[in-house]
Amino acid sequence: QVQLVESGGGLVQAGGSLRLSCAASGRLLSIAAMRWYRQAPGKQRELVVQSIRGGTTLYDDSVKGRFTISRDNAKNTVYLQMNSLKPEDTAVYYCNIYDDSYGAEYWGKGTLVTVSS
């Protein structure tokens, strides 16, 4: 059974940076897609970035140029580097991985990012 655990959230001032981590326990055989979502208070969950096997990475326009998704295979960890943070980036951030070997999608429980103005 694969579990995802996010970390790295916290309180930061506008203009600051955070790096979120998503550590996967268990064995991932064939990652087809890695995604970060976020959900702000009172709003629906939205896709922030997705990285698809083959090299395609798509960012939401609101974070383009400020956020970067990356992966460390040796550590079985996905990262989200967030720079130039804005108060509107305040949300719970969720990691999502789709393993097409299992045909399974995995979610973490989220980590809270709060950006003060």
N, C-alpha and C. Protein backbone atom coordinates (compact mmCIF):
# COMPACT_ATOMS: atom_id res chain seq x y z
N GLN A 1 0.84 -1.19 0.00
CA GLN A 1 0.00 0.00 0.00
C GLN A 1 0.88 1.25 0.00
N VAL A 2 0.64 2.14 -0.92
CA VAL A 2 1.42 3.36 -1.01
C VAL A 2 0.74 4.46 -0.22
N GLN A 3 1.53 5.19 0.55
CA GLN A 3 1.01 6.36 1.27
C GLN A 3 1.87 7.57 0.92
N LEU A 4 1.22 8.72 0.83
CA LEU A 4 1.91 9.97 0.55
C LEU A 4 1.79 10.88 1.76
N VAL A 5 2.91 11.48 2.15
CA VAL A 5 2.91 12.40 3.29
C VAL A 5 3.56 13.70 2.87
N GLU A 6 2.76 14.78 2.92
CA GLU A 6 3.29 16.10 2.59
C GLU A 6 3.89 16.76 3.82
N SER A 7 4.86 17.62 3.59
CA SER A 7 5.45 18.42 4.66
C SER A 7 6.01 19.69 4.04
N GLY A 8 6.40 20.62 4.92
CA GLY A 8 7.03 21.84 4.45
C GLY A 8 6.14 23.06 4.47
N GLY A 9 4.88 22.87 4.77
CA GLY A 9 4.00 24.02 4.85
C GLY A 9 4.29 24.87 6.07
N GLY A 10 3.67 26.04 6.11
CA GLY A 10 3.87 26.92 7.26
C GLY A 10 3.42 28.33 6.93
N LEU A 11 3.83 29.23 7.79
CA LEU A 11 3.49 30.65 7.66
C LEU A 11 4.68 31.39 7.07
N VAL A 12 4.43 32.16 6.03
CA VAL A 12 5.50 32.92 5.39
C VAL A 12 4.95 34.27 4.95
N GLN A 13 5.81 35.25 4.91
CA GLN A 13 5.39 36.58 4.46
C GLN A 13 5.34 36.61 2.93
N ALA A 14 4.53 37.50 2.43
CA ALA A 14 4.44 37.67 0.98
C ALA A 14 5.83 37.97 0.42
N GLY A 15 6.12 37.33 -0.71
CA GLY A 15 7.44 37.46 -1.31
C GLY A 15 8.41 36.38 -0.90
N GLY A 16 8.05 35.63 0.12
CA GLY A 16 8.93 34.58 0.62
C GLY A 16 8.81 33.29 -0.17
N SER A 17 9.51 32.26 0.31
CA SER A 17 9.56 30.97 -0.39
C SER A 17 9.32 29.83 0.59
N LEU A 18 8.79 28.76 0.06
CA LEU A 18 8.66 27.50 0.78
C LEU A 18 8.91 26.36 -0.19
N ARG A 19 9.38 25.25 0.35
CA ARG A 19 9.49 24.04 -0.45
C ARG A 19 8.67 22.94 0.19
N LEU A 20 7.68 22.48 -0.52
CA LEU A 20 6.85 21.39 -0.04
C LEU A 20 7.45 20.07 -0.50
N SER A 21 7.32 19.07 0.36
CA SER A 21 7.79 17.72 0.03
C SER A 21 6.62 16.76 0.10
N CYS A 22 6.68 15.75 -0.73
CA CYS A 22 5.68 14.68 -0.73
C CYS A 22 6.44 13.37 -0.76
N ALA A 23 6.52 12.73 0.39
CA ALA A 23 7.28 11.49 0.50
C ALA A 23 6.35 10.30 0.34
N ALA A 24 6.74 9.39 -0.54
CA ALA A 24 5.94 8.20 -0.80
C ALA A 24 6.54 7.00 -0.09
N SER A 25 5.71 6.34 0.73
CA SER A 25 6.13 5.08 1.33
C SER A 25 5.47 3.95 0.57
N GLY A 26 6.11 2.82 0.52
CA GLY A 26 5.59 1.75 -0.32
C GLY A 26 6.24 1.83 -1.69
N ARG A 27 5.89 0.90 -2.52
CA ARG A 27 6.58 0.78 -3.79
C ARG A 27 5.75 1.35 -4.95
N LEU A 28 6.29 2.38 -5.56
CA LEU A 28 5.67 2.92 -6.76
C LEU A 28 6.37 2.30 -7.96
N LEU A 29 5.62 1.67 -8.84
CA LEU A 29 6.22 0.93 -9.94
C LEU A 29 6.36 1.74 -11.21
N SER A 30 5.34 2.53 -11.50
CA SER A 30 5.32 3.22 -12.79
C SER A 30 4.52 4.51 -12.64
N ILE A 31 5.24 5.59 -12.29
CA ILE A 31 4.55 6.87 -12.09
C ILE A 31 4.22 7.48 -13.43
N ALA A 32 2.95 7.61 -13.70
CA ALA A 32 2.50 8.21 -14.95
C ALA A 32 2.31 9.71 -14.81
N ALA A 33 1.97 10.15 -13.61
CA ALA A 33 1.74 11.58 -13.41
C ALA A 33 1.94 11.94 -11.95
N MET A 34 2.50 13.14 -11.73
CA MET A 34 2.64 13.69 -10.39
C MET A 34 1.95 15.04 -10.42
N ARG A 35 1.18 15.33 -9.39
CA ARG A 35 0.42 16.58 -9.37
C ARG A 35 0.44 17.19 -7.98
N TRP A 36 0.33 18.50 -7.95
CA TRP A 36 0.06 19.22 -6.72
C TRP A 36 -1.25 19.98 -6.93
N TYR A 37 -2.12 19.83 -5.95
CA TYR A 37 -3.38 20.57 -5.91
C TYR A 37 -3.36 21.47 -4.69
N ARG A 38 -4.28 22.42 -4.66
CA ARG A 38 -4.47 23.23 -3.46
C ARG A 38 -5.94 23.55 -3.30
N GLN A 39 -6.29 23.78 -2.04
CA GLN A 39 -7.66 24.16 -1.72
C GLN A 39 -7.64 25.28 -0.72
N ALA A 40 -8.09 26.44 -1.16
CA ALA A 40 -8.17 27.62 -0.30
C ALA A 40 -9.47 27.56 0.50
N PRO A 41 -9.52 28.24 1.63
CA PRO A 41 -10.73 28.24 2.44
C PRO A 41 -11.96 28.68 1.64
N GLY A 42 -12.99 27.87 1.69
CA GLY A 42 -14.23 28.21 1.01
C GLY A 42 -14.22 28.00 -0.49
N LYS A 43 -13.14 27.43 -1.02
CA LYS A 43 -13.04 27.23 -2.46
C LYS A 43 -12.85 25.76 -2.79
N GLN A 44 -13.05 25.42 -4.06
CA GLN A 44 -12.84 24.06 -4.51
C GLN A 44 -11.36 23.78 -4.71
N ARG A 45 -11.02 22.51 -4.63
CA ARG A 45 -9.65 22.10 -4.88
C ARG A 45 -9.30 22.39 -6.33
N GLU A 46 -8.10 22.92 -6.55
CA GLU A 46 -7.68 23.25 -7.90
C GLU A 46 -6.30 22.66 -8.19
N LEU A 47 -6.07 22.36 -9.45
CA LEU A 47 -4.79 21.81 -9.87
C LEU A 47 -3.78 22.93 -10.02
N VAL A 48 -2.64 22.77 -9.37
CA VAL A 48 -1.58 23.78 -9.42
C VAL A 48 -0.57 23.44 -10.52
N VAL A 49 -0.15 22.17 -10.54
CA VAL A 49 0.85 21.75 -11.52
C VAL A 49 0.72 20.24 -11.71
N GLN A 50 0.98 19.79 -12.92
CA GLN A 50 1.08 18.36 -13.17
C GLN A 50 2.28 18.07 -14.06
N SER A 51 2.96 17.00 -13.70
CA SER A 51 4.12 16.56 -14.47
C SER A 51 3.81 15.16 -14.98
N ILE A 52 3.78 15.00 -16.29
CA ILE A 52 3.35 13.75 -16.91
C ILE A 52 4.56 13.03 -17.49
N ARG A 53 4.58 11.72 -17.36
CA ARG A 53 5.68 10.93 -17.89
C ARG A 53 5.90 11.27 -19.36
N GLY A 54 7.14 11.45 -19.71
CA GLY A 54 7.46 11.87 -21.06
C GLY A 54 7.98 13.30 -21.10
N GLY A 55 7.80 14.01 -19.98
CA GLY A 55 8.40 15.32 -19.88
C GLY A 55 7.46 16.51 -19.90
N THR A 56 6.18 16.28 -20.04
CA THR A 56 5.25 17.41 -20.09
C THR A 56 4.92 17.89 -18.68
N THR A 57 5.13 19.17 -18.45
CA THR A 57 4.78 19.78 -17.18
C THR A 57 3.90 20.99 -17.45
N LEU A 58 2.79 21.03 -16.77
CA LEU A 58 1.83 22.11 -16.98
C LEU A 58 1.54 22.81 -15.67
N TYR A 59 1.69 24.12 -15.66
CA TYR A 59 1.43 24.93 -14.47
C TYR A 59 0.17 25.76 -14.69
N ASP A 60 -0.56 25.95 -13.60
CA ASP A 60 -1.65 26.90 -13.64
C ASP A 60 -1.07 28.29 -13.88
N ASP A 61 -1.80 29.11 -14.61
CA ASP A 61 -1.29 30.45 -14.93
C ASP A 61 -0.97 31.25 -13.68
N SER A 62 -1.68 31.01 -12.60
CA SER A 62 -1.49 31.80 -11.38
C SER A 62 -0.14 31.54 -10.71
N VAL A 63 0.51 30.41 -11.04
CA VAL A 63 1.78 30.07 -10.39
C VAL A 63 2.93 29.98 -11.37
N LYS A 64 2.64 30.11 -12.64
CA LYS A 64 3.66 29.97 -13.67
C LYS A 64 4.80 30.97 -13.43
N GLY A 65 6.03 30.46 -13.47
CA GLY A 65 7.19 31.30 -13.23
C GLY A 65 7.57 31.45 -11.78
N ARG A 66 6.69 30.98 -10.88
CA ARG A 66 6.97 31.11 -9.44
C ARG A 66 7.13 29.74 -8.78
N PHE A 67 6.40 28.75 -9.24
CA PHE A 67 6.43 27.41 -8.65
C PHE A 67 7.15 26.44 -9.59
N THR A 68 7.82 25.46 -8.98
CA THR A 68 8.52 24.44 -9.76
C THR A 68 8.32 23.07 -9.12
N ILE A 69 7.88 22.12 -9.91
CA ILE A 69 7.75 20.74 -9.44
C ILE A 69 9.02 19.97 -9.80
N SER A 70 9.45 19.10 -8.88
CA SER A 70 10.61 18.27 -9.15
C SER A 70 10.46 16.95 -8.40
N ARG A 71 11.40 16.05 -8.66
CA ARG A 71 11.28 14.71 -8.10
C ARG A 71 12.67 14.17 -7.81
N ASP A 72 12.79 13.49 -6.68
CA ASP A 72 14.02 12.78 -6.33
C ASP A 72 13.68 11.30 -6.28
N ASN A 73 14.07 10.58 -7.30
CA ASN A 73 13.72 9.15 -7.38
C ASN A 73 14.34 8.35 -6.25
N ALA A 74 15.56 8.71 -5.88
CA ALA A 74 16.25 7.95 -4.84
C ALA A 74 15.52 8.07 -3.50
N LYS A 75 14.91 9.22 -3.27
CA LYS A 75 14.20 9.46 -2.01
C LYS A 75 12.70 9.20 -2.15
N ASN A 76 12.25 8.83 -3.34
CA ASN A 76 10.83 8.60 -3.57
C ASN A 76 10.00 9.81 -3.12
N THR A 77 10.48 10.99 -3.50
CA THR A 77 9.89 12.23 -3.01
C THR A 77 9.65 13.19 -4.17
N VAL A 78 8.51 13.85 -4.11
CA VAL A 78 8.16 14.91 -5.06
C VAL A 78 8.19 16.24 -4.32
N TYR A 79 8.68 17.27 -4.96
CA TYR A 79 8.80 18.58 -4.33
C TYR A 79 7.99 19.62 -5.09
N LEU A 80 7.64 20.66 -4.37
CA LEU A 80 7.06 21.85 -4.99
C LEU A 80 7.79 23.05 -4.40
N GLN A 81 8.65 23.66 -5.19
CA GLN A 81 9.34 24.87 -4.79
C GLN A 81 8.44 26.05 -5.11
N MET A 82 8.15 26.84 -4.10
CA MET A 82 7.25 27.99 -4.27
C MET A 82 7.99 29.27 -3.93
N ASN A 83 8.14 30.12 -4.89
CA ASN A 83 8.83 31.39 -4.70
C ASN A 83 7.87 32.56 -4.92
N SER A 84 8.27 33.72 -4.47
CA SER A 84 7.47 34.94 -4.64
C SER A 84 6.02 34.70 -4.21
N LEU A 85 5.87 34.14 -3.05
CA LEU A 85 4.53 33.76 -2.59
C LEU A 85 3.65 34.98 -2.37
N LYS A 86 2.36 34.78 -2.62
CA LYS A 86 1.37 35.84 -2.50
C LYS A 86 0.30 35.38 -1.51
N PRO A 87 -0.41 36.32 -0.89
CA PRO A 87 -1.49 35.94 0.04
C PRO A 87 -2.51 35.01 -0.62
N GLU A 88 -2.75 35.16 -1.90
CA GLU A 88 -3.73 34.31 -2.59
C GLU A 88 -3.23 32.88 -2.80
N ASP A 89 -1.96 32.62 -2.47
CA ASP A 89 -1.45 31.25 -2.50
C ASP A 89 -1.81 30.48 -1.23
N THR A 90 -2.38 31.16 -0.26
CA THR A 90 -2.77 30.51 0.99
C THR A 90 -3.78 29.40 0.72
N ALA A 91 -3.44 28.19 1.16
CA ALA A 91 -4.29 27.04 0.90
C ALA A 91 -3.67 25.80 1.55
N VAL A 92 -4.45 24.74 1.58
CA VAL A 92 -3.90 23.43 1.89
C VAL A 92 -3.43 22.82 0.57
N TYR A 93 -2.19 22.36 0.55
CA TYR A 93 -1.61 21.80 -0.67
C TYR A 93 -1.56 20.28 -0.55
N TYR A 94 -2.01 19.63 -1.62
CA TYR A 94 -2.11 18.17 -1.66
C TYR A 94 -1.24 17.61 -2.79
N CYS A 95 -0.57 16.52 -2.47
CA CYS A 95 0.21 15.79 -3.46
C CYS A 95 -0.66 14.67 -4.03
N ASN A 96 -0.47 14.40 -5.30
CA ASN A 96 -1.24 13.36 -5.98
C ASN A 96 -0.32 12.64 -6.96
N ILE A 97 -0.34 11.31 -6.90
CA ILE A 97 0.47 10.51 -7.83
C ILE A 97 -0.40 9.44 -8.44
N TYR A 98 -0.26 9.26 -9.74
CA TYR A 98 -0.96 8.19 -10.44
C TYR A 98 0.06 7.17 -10.93
N ASP A 99 -0.12 5.95 -10.47
CA ASP A 99 0.74 4.84 -10.86
C ASP A 99 -0.04 3.96 -11.83
N ASP A 100 0.33 3.95 -13.10
CA ASP A 100 -0.48 3.20 -14.06
C ASP A 100 -0.16 1.71 -14.06
N SER A 101 0.89 1.31 -13.33
CA SER A 101 1.13 -0.11 -13.17
C SER A 101 0.05 -0.73 -12.29
N TYR A 102 -0.34 0.00 -11.26
CA TYR A 102 -1.42 -0.44 -10.38
C TYR A 102 -2.79 0.06 -10.86
N GLY A 103 -2.77 1.06 -11.72
CA GLY A 103 -4.02 1.73 -12.07
C GLY A 103 -4.59 2.43 -10.87
N ALA A 104 -3.72 3.00 -10.06
CA ALA A 104 -4.15 3.59 -8.78
C ALA A 104 -3.68 5.03 -8.66
N GLU A 105 -4.51 5.83 -8.01
CA GLU A 105 -4.21 7.23 -7.74
C GLU A 105 -4.07 7.40 -6.24
N TYR A 106 -3.03 8.07 -5.81
CA TYR A 106 -2.76 8.25 -4.39
C TYR A 106 -2.79 9.73 -4.02
N TRP A 107 -3.29 9.99 -2.81
CA TRP A 107 -3.38 11.35 -2.29
C TRP A 107 -2.72 11.42 -0.93
N GLY A 108 -2.08 12.56 -0.65
CA GLY A 108 -1.65 12.85 0.69
C GLY A 108 -2.75 13.56 1.43
N LYS A 109 -2.51 13.83 2.72
CA LYS A 109 -3.53 14.49 3.55
C LYS A 109 -3.42 16.00 3.54
N GLY A 110 -2.36 16.50 2.92
CA GLY A 110 -2.24 17.94 2.75
C GLY A 110 -1.33 18.62 3.76
N THR A 111 -0.82 19.76 3.36
CA THR A 111 -0.03 20.61 4.25
C THR A 111 -0.46 22.05 4.03
N LEU A 112 -0.62 22.77 5.13
CA LEU A 112 -1.17 24.13 5.08
C LEU A 112 -0.07 25.15 4.80
N VAL A 113 -0.33 25.99 3.82
CA VAL A 113 0.54 27.12 3.51
C VAL A 113 -0.25 28.40 3.76
N THR A 114 0.30 29.28 4.59
CA THR A 114 -0.34 30.56 4.88
C THR A 114 0.63 31.67 4.53
N VAL A 115 0.19 32.56 3.66
CA VAL A 115 1.03 33.67 3.23
C VAL A 115 0.43 34.97 3.76
N SER A 116 1.18 35.66 4.58
CA SER A 116 0.68 36.91 5.16
C SER A 116 1.11 38.10 4.32
N SER A 117 0.27 39.11 4.34
CA SER A 117 0.56 40.30 3.53
C SER A 117 1.38 41.31 4.30
